[in-house]
N, C-alpha and C. Protein backbone atom coordinates (compact mmCIF):
# COMPACT_ATOMS: atom_id res chain seq x y z
N MET A 1 64.47 145.41 139.38
CA MET A 1 65.45 144.99 140.39
C MET A 1 65.10 143.62 140.95
N LYS A 2 63.78 143.31 141.04
CA LYS A 2 63.37 142.04 141.61
C LYS A 2 63.82 140.86 140.76
N LEU A 3 64.05 141.11 139.45
CA LEU A 3 64.46 140.03 138.56
C LEU A 3 65.95 139.72 138.66
N ILE A 4 66.73 140.64 139.20
CA ILE A 4 68.19 140.49 139.20
C ILE A 4 68.63 139.29 140.02
N LYS A 5 68.09 139.18 141.25
CA LYS A 5 68.52 138.10 142.14
C LYS A 5 68.18 136.71 141.59
N PRO A 6 66.91 136.47 141.14
CA PRO A 6 66.62 135.15 140.55
C PRO A 6 67.46 134.85 139.31
N LEU A 7 67.69 135.88 138.50
CA LEU A 7 68.47 135.69 137.29
C LEU A 7 69.92 135.34 137.63
N THR A 8 70.47 136.02 138.64
CA THR A 8 71.84 135.74 139.08
C THR A 8 71.97 134.32 139.61
N CYS A 9 71.00 133.87 140.39
CA CYS A 9 71.00 132.51 140.94
C CYS A 9 70.94 131.47 139.83
N ALA A 10 70.07 131.73 138.84
CA ALA A 10 69.94 130.79 137.73
C ALA A 10 71.24 130.69 136.94
N LEU A 11 71.88 131.83 136.72
CA LEU A 11 73.14 131.85 135.98
C LEU A 11 74.22 131.11 136.75
N ALA A 12 74.26 131.32 138.06
CA ALA A 12 75.26 130.65 138.90
C ALA A 12 75.08 129.14 138.87
N LEU A 13 73.81 128.69 138.93
CA LEU A 13 73.54 127.26 138.88
C LEU A 13 73.95 126.67 137.54
N ALA A 14 73.66 127.40 136.47
CA ALA A 14 74.02 126.93 135.13
C ALA A 14 75.52 126.80 134.99
N MET A 15 76.25 127.82 135.48
CA MET A 15 77.70 127.79 135.38
C MET A 15 78.28 126.69 136.26
N SER A 16 77.64 126.46 137.41
CA SER A 16 78.10 125.40 138.30
C SER A 16 77.97 124.04 137.66
N SER A 17 76.82 123.80 136.99
CA SER A 17 76.61 122.50 136.34
C SER A 17 77.57 122.33 135.17
N MET A 18 77.89 123.43 134.49
CA MET A 18 78.84 123.35 133.39
C MET A 18 80.23 123.02 133.90
N ALA A 19 80.59 123.58 135.06
CA ALA A 19 81.93 123.37 135.60
C ALA A 19 82.17 121.92 135.96
N PHE A 20 81.11 121.21 136.38
CA PHE A 20 81.27 119.83 136.79
C PHE A 20 80.91 118.85 135.69
N ALA A 21 80.59 119.35 134.52
CA ALA A 21 80.21 118.48 133.40
C ALA A 21 81.46 117.96 132.70
N ASP A 22 82.23 117.15 133.41
CA ASP A 22 83.41 116.54 132.82
C ASP A 22 83.74 115.28 133.60
N VAL A 23 84.82 114.63 133.20
CA VAL A 23 85.25 113.38 133.84
C VAL A 23 86.62 113.60 134.45
N THR A 24 86.75 113.33 135.73
CA THR A 24 88.03 113.44 136.42
C THR A 24 88.55 112.04 136.70
N VAL A 25 89.79 111.80 136.31
CA VAL A 25 90.42 110.51 136.57
C VAL A 25 91.56 110.73 137.56
N ASN A 26 91.44 110.16 138.75
CA ASN A 26 92.49 110.26 139.75
C ASN A 26 93.61 109.28 139.41
N VAL A 27 94.84 109.78 139.45
CA VAL A 27 95.99 109.00 138.98
C VAL A 27 97.00 108.84 140.12
N PRO A 28 97.25 107.62 140.59
CA PRO A 28 98.26 107.42 141.63
C PRO A 28 99.67 107.71 141.11
N ASP A 29 100.61 107.90 142.03
CA ASP A 29 101.94 108.31 141.61
C ASP A 29 102.72 107.23 140.88
N ASP A 30 102.28 105.97 140.95
CA ASP A 30 102.98 104.91 140.23
C ASP A 30 102.34 104.60 138.87
N VAL A 31 101.47 105.50 138.42
CA VAL A 31 100.88 105.39 137.08
C VAL A 31 101.28 106.61 136.27
N ALA A 32 101.77 106.39 135.06
CA ALA A 32 102.12 107.48 134.15
C ALA A 32 101.10 107.53 133.02
N ILE A 33 100.41 108.67 132.89
CA ILE A 33 99.48 108.86 131.77
C ILE A 33 100.30 109.36 130.58
N LEU A 34 100.38 108.56 129.54
CA LEU A 34 101.26 108.85 128.41
C LEU A 34 100.54 109.60 127.28
N ALA A 35 99.23 109.45 127.20
CA ALA A 35 98.44 110.17 126.20
C ALA A 35 96.97 110.02 126.58
N ALA A 36 96.16 110.94 126.10
CA ALA A 36 94.71 110.86 126.31
C ALA A 36 94.02 111.41 125.08
N ASN A 37 93.12 110.63 124.53
CA ASN A 37 92.39 111.03 123.32
C ASN A 37 93.32 111.44 122.18
N GLY A 38 94.42 110.71 122.06
CA GLY A 38 95.35 110.94 120.95
C GLY A 38 96.24 112.15 121.11
N GLU A 39 96.32 112.72 122.31
CA GLU A 39 97.15 113.90 122.53
C GLU A 39 97.94 113.77 123.83
N LYS A 40 98.97 114.61 123.96
CA LYS A 40 99.65 114.70 125.24
C LYS A 40 98.68 115.26 126.27
N VAL A 41 98.83 114.82 127.50
CA VAL A 41 97.85 115.18 128.51
C VAL A 41 98.51 115.95 129.65
N LYS A 42 97.77 116.91 130.21
CA LYS A 42 98.25 117.67 131.35
C LYS A 42 97.68 117.06 132.62
N VAL A 43 98.58 116.63 133.49
CA VAL A 43 98.19 116.01 134.76
C VAL A 43 98.31 117.06 135.85
N SER A 44 97.22 117.28 136.59
CA SER A 44 97.23 118.26 137.67
C SER A 44 97.72 117.62 138.96
N GLY A 45 98.26 118.46 139.86
CA GLY A 45 98.79 117.96 141.12
C GLY A 45 100.26 118.25 141.23
N GLY A 46 100.73 118.43 142.43
CA GLY A 46 102.14 118.75 142.66
C GLY A 46 103.06 117.59 142.32
N PHE A 47 104.35 117.90 142.19
CA PHE A 47 105.34 116.90 141.79
C PHE A 47 105.42 115.76 142.81
N PHE A 48 105.31 116.10 144.11
CA PHE A 48 105.42 115.11 145.16
C PHE A 48 104.06 114.60 145.64
N ALA A 49 103.00 114.96 144.94
CA ALA A 49 101.67 114.52 145.35
C ALA A 49 101.53 113.01 145.18
N SER A 50 100.87 112.35 146.14
CA SER A 50 100.69 110.90 146.05
C SER A 50 99.65 110.53 145.01
N GLU A 51 98.79 111.47 144.67
CA GLU A 51 97.76 111.23 143.66
C GLU A 51 97.52 112.49 142.85
N LYS A 52 97.47 112.34 141.54
CA LYS A 52 97.21 113.45 140.65
C LYS A 52 95.89 113.18 139.93
N SER A 53 95.52 114.06 139.01
CA SER A 53 94.27 113.84 138.29
C SER A 53 94.36 114.38 136.87
N VAL A 54 93.52 113.81 136.03
CA VAL A 54 93.39 114.22 134.63
C VAL A 54 91.92 114.54 134.38
N THR A 55 91.65 115.68 133.75
CA THR A 55 90.28 116.06 133.42
C THR A 55 90.02 115.81 131.94
N LEU A 56 88.96 115.05 131.67
CA LEU A 56 88.60 114.68 130.31
C LEU A 56 87.16 115.09 130.05
N PRO A 57 86.78 115.25 128.78
CA PRO A 57 85.39 115.64 128.48
C PRO A 57 84.42 114.48 128.71
N ASP A 58 83.15 114.82 128.86
CA ASP A 58 82.12 113.79 128.95
C ASP A 58 82.09 112.96 127.68
N GLY A 59 81.71 111.70 127.82
CA GLY A 59 81.56 110.85 126.65
C GLY A 59 82.66 109.80 126.56
N VAL A 60 82.96 109.39 125.34
CA VAL A 60 83.96 108.35 125.11
C VAL A 60 85.36 108.96 125.20
N ASN A 61 86.21 108.35 126.01
CA ASN A 61 87.58 108.80 126.18
C ASN A 61 88.54 107.63 126.03
N GLN A 62 89.79 107.98 125.75
CA GLN A 62 90.83 106.97 125.60
C GLN A 62 92.07 107.43 126.36
N VAL A 63 92.63 106.56 127.17
CA VAL A 63 93.86 106.89 127.89
C VAL A 63 94.91 105.83 127.60
N VAL A 64 96.15 106.28 127.57
CA VAL A 64 97.30 105.40 127.41
C VAL A 64 98.16 105.56 128.67
N PHE A 65 98.45 104.45 129.35
CA PHE A 65 99.18 104.58 130.61
C PHE A 65 100.09 103.38 130.85
N ARG A 66 100.98 103.56 131.84
CA ARG A 66 101.86 102.48 132.29
C ARG A 66 101.87 102.46 133.81
N TYR A 67 101.83 101.28 134.38
CA TYR A 67 101.86 101.09 135.83
C TYR A 67 103.26 100.65 136.22
N SER A 68 103.87 101.37 137.17
CA SER A 68 105.24 101.07 137.60
C SER A 68 105.34 101.07 139.12
N PRO A 69 104.92 100.00 139.78
CA PRO A 69 105.03 99.95 141.24
C PRO A 69 106.49 99.85 141.70
N PHE A 70 106.77 100.41 142.89
CA PHE A 70 108.12 100.41 143.44
C PHE A 70 108.22 99.41 144.58
N PHE A 71 109.45 98.85 144.75
CA PHE A 71 109.73 97.91 145.83
C PHE A 71 111.10 98.22 146.42
N SER A 72 111.22 97.92 147.71
CA SER A 72 112.51 98.11 148.39
C SER A 72 113.35 96.86 148.19
N GLN A 73 114.59 97.09 147.77
CA GLN A 73 115.53 95.99 147.61
C GLN A 73 116.85 96.43 148.24
N GLY A 74 117.04 96.03 149.50
CA GLY A 74 118.18 96.54 150.26
C GLY A 74 117.97 98.01 150.54
N ASN A 75 118.95 98.80 150.15
CA ASN A 75 118.84 100.25 150.33
C ASN A 75 118.28 100.95 149.10
N ASP A 76 117.92 100.19 148.10
CA ASP A 76 117.46 100.77 146.83
C ASP A 76 115.95 100.59 146.68
N ARG A 77 115.38 101.43 145.82
CA ARG A 77 113.99 101.28 145.41
C ARG A 77 113.99 100.88 143.94
N VAL A 78 113.34 99.78 143.64
CA VAL A 78 113.33 99.23 142.28
C VAL A 78 111.90 99.19 141.77
N SER A 79 111.71 99.59 140.52
CA SER A 79 110.36 99.57 139.94
C SER A 79 110.23 98.46 138.91
N VAL A 80 109.00 98.00 138.73
CA VAL A 80 108.67 97.03 137.69
C VAL A 80 107.63 97.67 136.79
N GLU A 81 107.88 97.64 135.48
CA GLU A 81 106.98 98.32 134.54
C GLU A 81 106.03 97.34 133.87
N SER A 82 104.77 97.75 133.79
CA SER A 82 103.80 96.99 133.00
C SER A 82 103.98 97.33 131.52
N ASP A 83 103.30 96.59 130.66
CA ASP A 83 103.21 97.01 129.27
C ASP A 83 102.43 98.31 129.20
N VAL A 84 102.54 99.02 128.10
CA VAL A 84 101.75 100.23 127.91
C VAL A 84 100.33 99.82 127.56
N ILE A 85 99.37 100.29 128.37
CA ILE A 85 97.97 99.93 128.20
C ILE A 85 97.22 101.06 127.50
N ILE A 86 96.42 100.71 126.51
CA ILE A 86 95.54 101.68 125.86
C ILE A 86 94.10 101.25 126.16
N ALA A 87 93.31 102.18 126.67
CA ALA A 87 91.96 101.82 127.13
C ALA A 87 90.94 102.86 126.70
N ARG A 88 89.73 102.38 126.39
CA ARG A 88 88.62 103.25 126.00
C ARG A 88 87.45 103.02 126.96
N PHE A 89 86.82 104.12 127.37
CA PHE A 89 85.67 104.02 128.26
C PHE A 89 84.71 105.16 127.99
N ASP A 90 83.49 105.01 128.46
CA ASP A 90 82.44 106.01 128.27
C ASP A 90 81.93 106.43 129.64
N ALA A 91 82.03 107.72 129.96
CA ALA A 91 81.58 108.21 131.26
C ALA A 91 81.12 109.65 131.12
N ASN A 92 80.24 110.06 132.03
CA ASN A 92 79.72 111.42 132.02
C ASN A 92 79.66 111.96 133.45
N ASN A 93 80.17 113.18 133.62
CA ASN A 93 80.10 113.87 134.91
C ASN A 93 80.47 112.92 136.05
N ALA A 94 81.67 112.34 135.95
CA ALA A 94 82.07 111.30 136.90
C ALA A 94 83.47 111.55 137.43
N GLU A 95 83.73 111.00 138.62
CA GLU A 95 85.07 110.97 139.19
C GLU A 95 85.50 109.51 139.25
N LEU A 96 86.57 109.20 138.55
CA LEU A 96 87.03 107.82 138.43
C LEU A 96 88.42 107.67 139.05
N THR A 97 88.73 106.47 139.49
CA THR A 97 90.02 106.19 140.12
C THR A 97 90.55 104.87 139.62
N PHE A 98 91.87 104.81 139.38
CA PHE A 98 92.50 103.56 138.99
C PHE A 98 92.48 102.58 140.18
N GLN A 99 92.08 101.36 139.91
CA GLN A 99 92.19 100.29 140.90
C GLN A 99 93.19 99.28 140.33
N LEU A 100 94.36 99.21 140.95
CA LEU A 100 95.47 98.44 140.40
C LEU A 100 95.88 97.33 141.37
N PRO A 101 96.48 96.27 140.84
CA PRO A 101 96.90 95.17 141.73
C PRO A 101 98.04 95.59 142.64
N GLU A 102 98.05 95.03 143.83
CA GLU A 102 99.15 95.25 144.78
C GLU A 102 99.93 93.96 144.93
N TYR A 103 101.22 94.04 144.70
CA TYR A 103 102.07 92.85 144.76
C TYR A 103 102.86 92.83 146.07
N ARG A 104 103.05 91.63 146.60
CA ARG A 104 103.73 91.50 147.90
C ARG A 104 105.21 91.82 147.82
N ASN A 105 105.81 91.53 146.67
CA ASN A 105 107.25 91.75 146.54
C ASN A 105 107.62 91.91 145.07
N LEU A 106 108.89 92.20 144.83
CA LEU A 106 109.40 92.44 143.49
C LEU A 106 109.21 91.21 142.60
N ARG A 107 109.48 90.04 143.12
CA ARG A 107 109.38 88.82 142.34
C ARG A 107 107.95 88.59 141.85
N GLU A 108 106.99 88.77 142.73
CA GLU A 108 105.59 88.58 142.34
C GLU A 108 105.18 89.56 141.26
N ALA A 109 105.64 90.81 141.39
CA ALA A 109 105.31 91.82 140.39
C ALA A 109 105.90 91.46 139.03
N GLU A 110 107.15 90.99 139.02
CA GLU A 110 107.80 90.62 137.76
C GLU A 110 107.05 89.48 137.06
N VAL A 111 106.47 88.58 137.83
CA VAL A 111 105.77 87.44 137.25
C VAL A 111 104.38 87.81 136.76
N LYS A 112 103.68 88.67 137.51
CA LYS A 112 102.25 88.88 137.25
C LYS A 112 101.89 90.18 136.53
N ILE A 113 102.81 91.15 136.48
CA ILE A 113 102.41 92.47 136.00
C ILE A 113 102.06 92.49 134.51
N LYS A 114 102.60 91.58 133.74
CA LYS A 114 102.31 91.55 132.30
C LYS A 114 100.83 91.24 132.03
N ASP A 115 100.20 90.54 132.95
CA ASP A 115 98.78 90.19 132.79
C ASP A 115 97.96 90.77 133.94
N MET A 116 98.29 91.99 134.33
CA MET A 116 97.64 92.59 135.50
C MET A 116 96.15 92.84 135.26
N ASP A 117 95.40 92.72 136.35
CA ASP A 117 93.96 92.98 136.32
C ASP A 117 93.73 94.34 136.97
N TRP A 118 93.28 95.30 136.20
CA TRP A 118 93.07 96.65 136.72
C TRP A 118 91.67 97.11 136.35
N LYS A 119 91.21 98.17 137.01
CA LYS A 119 89.87 98.71 136.75
C LYS A 119 89.87 100.22 136.91
N LEU A 120 88.82 100.84 136.37
CA LEU A 120 88.47 102.22 136.68
C LEU A 120 87.18 102.17 137.47
N VAL A 121 87.20 102.71 138.68
CA VAL A 121 86.01 102.64 139.53
C VAL A 121 85.50 104.04 139.83
N ASP A 122 84.18 104.15 140.04
CA ASP A 122 83.58 105.44 140.38
C ASP A 122 83.63 105.66 141.88
N THR A 123 83.02 106.72 142.34
CA THR A 123 83.07 107.08 143.76
C THR A 123 82.34 106.08 144.65
N SER A 124 81.49 105.24 144.04
CA SER A 124 80.79 104.20 144.80
C SER A 124 81.56 102.88 144.79
N GLY A 125 82.71 102.88 144.11
CA GLY A 125 83.50 101.66 144.04
C GLY A 125 83.09 100.71 142.94
N ASN A 126 82.19 101.16 142.06
CA ASN A 126 81.74 100.32 140.96
C ASN A 126 82.66 100.48 139.75
N ALA A 127 83.07 99.36 139.18
CA ALA A 127 83.92 99.40 137.99
C ALA A 127 83.09 99.76 136.76
N ILE A 128 83.62 100.65 135.93
CA ILE A 128 82.94 101.00 134.68
C ILE A 128 83.46 100.10 133.56
N ALA A 129 82.69 100.01 132.49
CA ALA A 129 83.09 99.17 131.35
C ALA A 129 84.28 99.79 130.63
N VAL A 130 85.29 98.99 130.37
CA VAL A 130 86.52 99.44 129.72
C VAL A 130 86.92 98.44 128.64
N GLU A 131 87.25 98.96 127.46
CA GLU A 131 87.87 98.15 126.41
C GLU A 131 89.36 98.44 126.45
N GLN A 132 90.19 97.42 126.55
CA GLN A 132 91.62 97.65 126.70
C GLN A 132 92.45 96.79 125.78
N ASP A 133 93.67 97.25 125.55
CA ASP A 133 94.61 96.56 124.68
C ASP A 133 96.01 96.98 125.11
N LYS A 134 97.02 96.38 124.51
CA LYS A 134 98.40 96.78 124.79
C LYS A 134 98.96 97.52 123.59
N LEU A 135 99.68 98.61 123.86
CA LEU A 135 100.33 99.38 122.80
C LEU A 135 101.77 98.89 122.72
N ILE A 136 102.01 97.95 121.83
CA ILE A 136 103.29 97.25 121.76
C ILE A 136 104.18 97.87 120.68
N LYS A 137 105.45 98.06 121.04
CA LYS A 137 106.45 98.49 120.07
C LYS A 137 107.66 97.58 120.21
N PRO A 138 108.01 96.83 119.16
CA PRO A 138 109.17 95.95 119.23
C PRO A 138 110.47 96.76 119.33
N GLY A 139 111.51 96.14 119.88
CA GLY A 139 112.82 96.77 119.92
C GLY A 139 112.97 97.79 121.03
N MET A 140 113.80 98.79 120.78
CA MET A 140 114.13 99.81 121.77
C MET A 140 112.89 100.57 122.21
N GLN A 141 112.75 100.77 123.54
CA GLN A 141 111.59 101.46 124.09
C GLN A 141 111.88 102.91 124.45
N ILE A 142 113.14 103.33 124.31
CA ILE A 142 113.51 104.70 124.68
C ILE A 142 113.04 105.67 123.60
N GLY A 143 112.49 106.81 124.05
CA GLY A 143 112.08 107.85 123.11
C GLY A 143 110.85 107.51 122.30
N ARG A 144 109.93 106.75 122.86
CA ARG A 144 108.71 106.40 122.13
C ARG A 144 107.79 107.62 121.98
N ASP A 145 107.16 107.70 120.82
CA ASP A 145 106.20 108.78 120.54
C ASP A 145 104.80 108.18 120.73
N TYR A 146 104.25 108.32 121.93
CA TYR A 146 102.99 107.68 122.25
C TYR A 146 101.81 108.30 121.51
N VAL A 147 101.90 109.58 121.19
CA VAL A 147 100.82 110.23 120.42
C VAL A 147 100.75 109.64 119.02
N ARG A 148 101.92 109.49 118.39
CA ARG A 148 101.93 108.92 117.03
C ARG A 148 101.51 107.45 117.07
N GLU A 149 102.00 106.71 118.06
CA GLU A 149 101.63 105.30 118.17
C GLU A 149 100.12 105.14 118.40
N THR A 150 99.55 106.03 119.20
CA THR A 150 98.11 105.98 119.44
C THR A 150 97.33 106.27 118.16
N ASP A 151 97.82 107.25 117.40
CA ASP A 151 97.16 107.59 116.13
C ASP A 151 97.21 106.40 115.18
N ASP A 152 98.36 105.73 115.10
CA ASP A 152 98.48 104.54 114.24
C ASP A 152 97.53 103.45 114.72
N TYR A 153 97.45 103.29 116.03
CA TYR A 153 96.57 102.25 116.60
C TYR A 153 95.11 102.55 116.26
N ASN A 154 94.70 103.79 116.42
CA ASN A 154 93.30 104.17 116.13
C ASN A 154 92.98 103.99 114.65
N ARG A 155 93.91 104.35 113.80
CA ARG A 155 93.67 104.20 112.36
C ARG A 155 93.58 102.73 111.96
N ALA A 156 94.30 101.87 112.70
CA ALA A 156 94.24 100.44 112.41
C ALA A 156 92.97 99.80 112.96
N GLY A 157 92.24 100.53 113.85
CA GLY A 157 90.97 100.03 114.35
C GLY A 157 91.10 98.96 115.41
N GLY A 158 92.02 99.17 116.39
CA GLY A 158 92.16 98.21 117.48
C GLY A 158 90.93 98.15 118.36
N VAL A 159 90.88 97.18 119.28
CA VAL A 159 89.68 96.97 120.10
C VAL A 159 89.40 98.16 121.02
N ALA A 160 90.44 98.94 121.35
CA ALA A 160 90.25 100.11 122.22
C ALA A 160 90.37 101.42 121.44
N ALA A 161 90.17 101.36 120.12
CA ALA A 161 90.35 102.53 119.26
C ALA A 161 89.19 103.51 119.40
N ILE A 162 89.49 104.78 119.13
CA ILE A 162 88.47 105.82 119.02
C ILE A 162 88.56 106.42 117.64
N ALA A 163 87.56 107.21 117.26
CA ALA A 163 87.55 107.83 115.94
C ALA A 163 88.71 108.79 115.81
N VAL A 164 89.35 108.79 114.64
CA VAL A 164 90.48 109.66 114.36
C VAL A 164 89.99 110.93 113.68
N VAL A 165 90.30 112.07 114.26
CA VAL A 165 89.90 113.35 113.66
C VAL A 165 90.72 113.58 112.40
N GLY A 166 90.02 113.93 111.30
CA GLY A 166 90.72 114.22 110.06
C GLY A 166 91.05 112.99 109.24
N ALA A 167 90.51 111.83 109.64
CA ALA A 167 90.77 110.62 108.87
C ALA A 167 90.13 110.74 107.49
N VAL A 168 90.81 110.21 106.49
CA VAL A 168 90.32 110.28 105.12
C VAL A 168 89.20 109.28 104.94
N GLN A 169 88.06 109.75 104.45
CA GLN A 169 86.91 108.89 104.21
C GLN A 169 86.92 108.41 102.76
N PRO A 170 86.57 107.13 102.53
CA PRO A 170 86.52 106.64 101.15
C PRO A 170 85.46 107.37 100.34
N VAL A 171 85.77 107.64 99.09
CA VAL A 171 84.84 108.35 98.21
C VAL A 171 84.44 107.42 97.07
N THR A 172 83.15 107.27 96.86
CA THR A 172 82.64 106.44 95.79
C THR A 172 82.41 107.30 94.55
N LEU A 173 83.11 106.98 93.48
CA LEU A 173 82.98 107.74 92.25
C LEU A 173 81.68 107.36 91.54
N PRO A 174 81.06 108.29 90.82
CA PRO A 174 79.83 107.97 90.09
C PRO A 174 80.09 106.95 89.00
N ALA A 175 79.10 106.07 88.78
CA ALA A 175 79.26 105.04 87.76
C ALA A 175 79.33 105.65 86.37
N LYS A 176 78.70 106.80 86.18
CA LYS A 176 78.67 107.44 84.87
C LYS A 176 79.19 108.86 85.00
N LEU A 177 80.07 109.24 84.07
CA LEU A 177 80.62 110.59 84.11
C LEU A 177 79.55 111.62 83.81
N PRO A 178 79.61 112.79 84.41
CA PRO A 178 78.68 113.86 84.06
C PRO A 178 78.80 114.20 82.58
N GLU A 179 77.74 114.79 82.03
CA GLU A 179 77.70 115.08 80.59
C GLU A 179 78.87 115.97 80.16
N GLU A 180 79.21 116.97 81.00
CA GLU A 180 80.30 117.88 80.63
C GLU A 180 81.62 117.12 80.54
N ALA A 181 81.85 116.20 81.49
CA ALA A 181 83.08 115.42 81.48
C ALA A 181 83.12 114.51 80.26
N GLN A 182 81.96 113.95 79.87
CA GLN A 182 81.90 113.09 78.69
C GLN A 182 82.25 113.89 77.43
N GLN A 183 81.79 115.13 77.36
CA GLN A 183 82.09 115.97 76.20
C GLN A 183 83.58 116.27 76.11
N VAL A 184 84.21 116.53 77.29
CA VAL A 184 85.65 116.80 77.30
C VAL A 184 86.42 115.57 76.85
N ALA A 185 85.99 114.38 77.33
CA ALA A 185 86.67 113.14 76.95
C ALA A 185 86.51 112.88 75.46
N ALA A 186 85.31 113.12 74.91
CA ALA A 186 85.06 112.91 73.48
C ALA A 186 85.91 113.85 72.64
N LYS A 187 86.04 115.11 73.10
CA LYS A 187 86.85 116.09 72.36
C LYS A 187 88.30 115.68 72.34
N ALA A 188 88.78 115.14 73.48
CA ALA A 188 90.18 114.70 73.56
C ALA A 188 90.42 113.55 72.59
N ASP A 189 89.45 112.60 72.52
CA ASP A 189 89.59 111.48 71.59
C ASP A 189 89.63 111.97 70.16
N SER A 190 88.76 112.95 69.83
CA SER A 190 88.69 113.50 68.47
C SER A 190 90.00 114.18 68.10
N THR A 191 90.56 114.95 69.04
CA THR A 191 91.82 115.66 68.78
C THR A 191 92.94 114.66 68.54
N ALA A 192 92.97 113.59 69.34
CA ALA A 192 94.01 112.58 69.18
C ALA A 192 93.91 111.91 67.80
N GLU A 193 92.69 111.66 67.36
CA GLU A 193 92.50 111.03 66.05
C GLU A 193 92.95 111.96 64.93
N GLU A 194 92.65 113.26 65.06
CA GLU A 194 93.07 114.22 64.05
C GLU A 194 94.59 114.31 63.96
N MET A 195 95.25 114.29 65.13
CA MET A 195 96.70 114.34 65.15
C MET A 195 97.29 113.08 64.52
N LEU A 196 96.65 111.93 64.75
CA LEU A 196 97.13 110.69 64.17
C LEU A 196 97.06 110.74 62.65
N HIS A 197 95.93 111.24 62.12
CA HIS A 197 95.80 111.38 60.67
C HIS A 197 96.86 112.34 60.12
N PHE A 198 97.08 113.44 60.86
CA PHE A 198 98.03 114.46 60.40
C PHE A 198 99.43 113.87 60.26
N TRP A 199 99.91 113.17 61.29
CA TRP A 199 101.26 112.63 61.26
C TRP A 199 101.37 111.43 60.31
N TYR A 200 100.25 110.72 60.10
CA TYR A 200 100.29 109.62 59.15
C TYR A 200 100.50 110.15 57.73
N GLN A 201 99.83 111.26 57.41
CA GLN A 201 100.00 111.85 56.08
C GLN A 201 101.41 112.40 55.90
N LYS A 202 102.07 112.84 56.96
CA LYS A 202 103.42 113.39 56.89
C LYS A 202 104.49 112.30 56.78
N ALA A 203 104.12 111.06 57.15
CA ALA A 203 105.10 109.99 57.20
C ALA A 203 105.44 109.48 55.80
N ASP A 204 106.66 108.91 55.68
CA ASP A 204 107.05 108.29 54.41
C ASP A 204 106.43 106.90 54.31
N ALA A 205 106.63 106.25 53.15
CA ALA A 205 105.99 104.97 52.89
C ALA A 205 106.43 103.90 53.88
N GLU A 206 107.72 103.89 54.24
CA GLU A 206 108.24 102.87 55.15
C GLU A 206 107.61 103.02 56.54
N THR A 207 107.49 104.28 57.02
CA THR A 207 106.90 104.53 58.33
C THR A 207 105.43 104.15 58.34
N LYS A 208 104.70 104.47 57.22
CA LYS A 208 103.28 104.10 57.13
C LYS A 208 103.11 102.59 57.21
N ALA A 209 104.02 101.85 56.56
CA ALA A 209 103.95 100.39 56.56
C ALA A 209 104.13 99.84 57.97
N ARG A 210 105.14 100.40 58.72
CA ARG A 210 105.37 99.94 60.09
C ARG A 210 104.16 100.23 60.97
N LEU A 211 103.53 101.42 60.76
CA LEU A 211 102.39 101.78 61.57
C LEU A 211 101.20 100.85 61.31
N LYS A 212 100.99 100.53 59.99
CA LYS A 212 99.90 99.62 59.68
C LYS A 212 100.12 98.24 60.30
N ALA A 213 101.38 97.79 60.24
CA ALA A 213 101.70 96.47 60.81
C ALA A 213 101.45 96.47 62.33
N TYR A 214 101.79 97.57 62.99
CA TYR A 214 101.60 97.67 64.45
C TYR A 214 100.10 97.64 64.80
N ILE A 215 99.29 98.39 64.01
CA ILE A 215 97.85 98.46 64.25
C ILE A 215 97.21 97.09 64.05
N ASN A 216 97.65 96.36 63.04
CA ASN A 216 97.07 95.04 62.74
C ASN A 216 97.34 94.03 63.85
N LYS A 217 98.42 94.25 64.61
CA LYS A 217 98.76 93.32 65.70
C LYS A 217 97.89 93.58 66.95
N GLN A 218 97.29 94.77 67.06
CA GLN A 218 96.54 95.13 68.27
C GLN A 218 95.18 94.46 68.33
């Protein structure tokens, strides 16, 4: 019985450390997470919440997002959209938050948002290292498949790419065929030669002459 309490405490501590062994990214309401690690992502938090969050595994992660700040224009609210950003970062057991530019008005946002300076910061306010790029699609932007676009981007090896699961690896063939394969190839050559002799003997004189002429040209 004396062992039960220490064992229970140890198990609770282990489970507690496992529960927090992940990366949480806090997402403001004007940021849309479009994909994470090549998949659709589940964002936690209520519909009207000012900030939501995404839970990712420890290690290297990739997020695809768009920043769309809102501005008042008369009685209307108007948003300005950034390009779709694809970013890769490495973090462990951390809580991260988007640090995004704040624009004074709609005009400033329209001018500057294409080259916005953003960061992912930890709870101490320190920015972590991020490799980023833009996920560009020419033409119509409606109905984009961000998971497929991310997969194409990763396979192309962009600066913010991560490893693609199930990617085909190049295979180097042996310089010399195995002995069994050589025997099969030799037998096939022998059979072909036997068939050639067989049909040559069956051919008439004119056909034999044409065949000889063809062979002499090779």
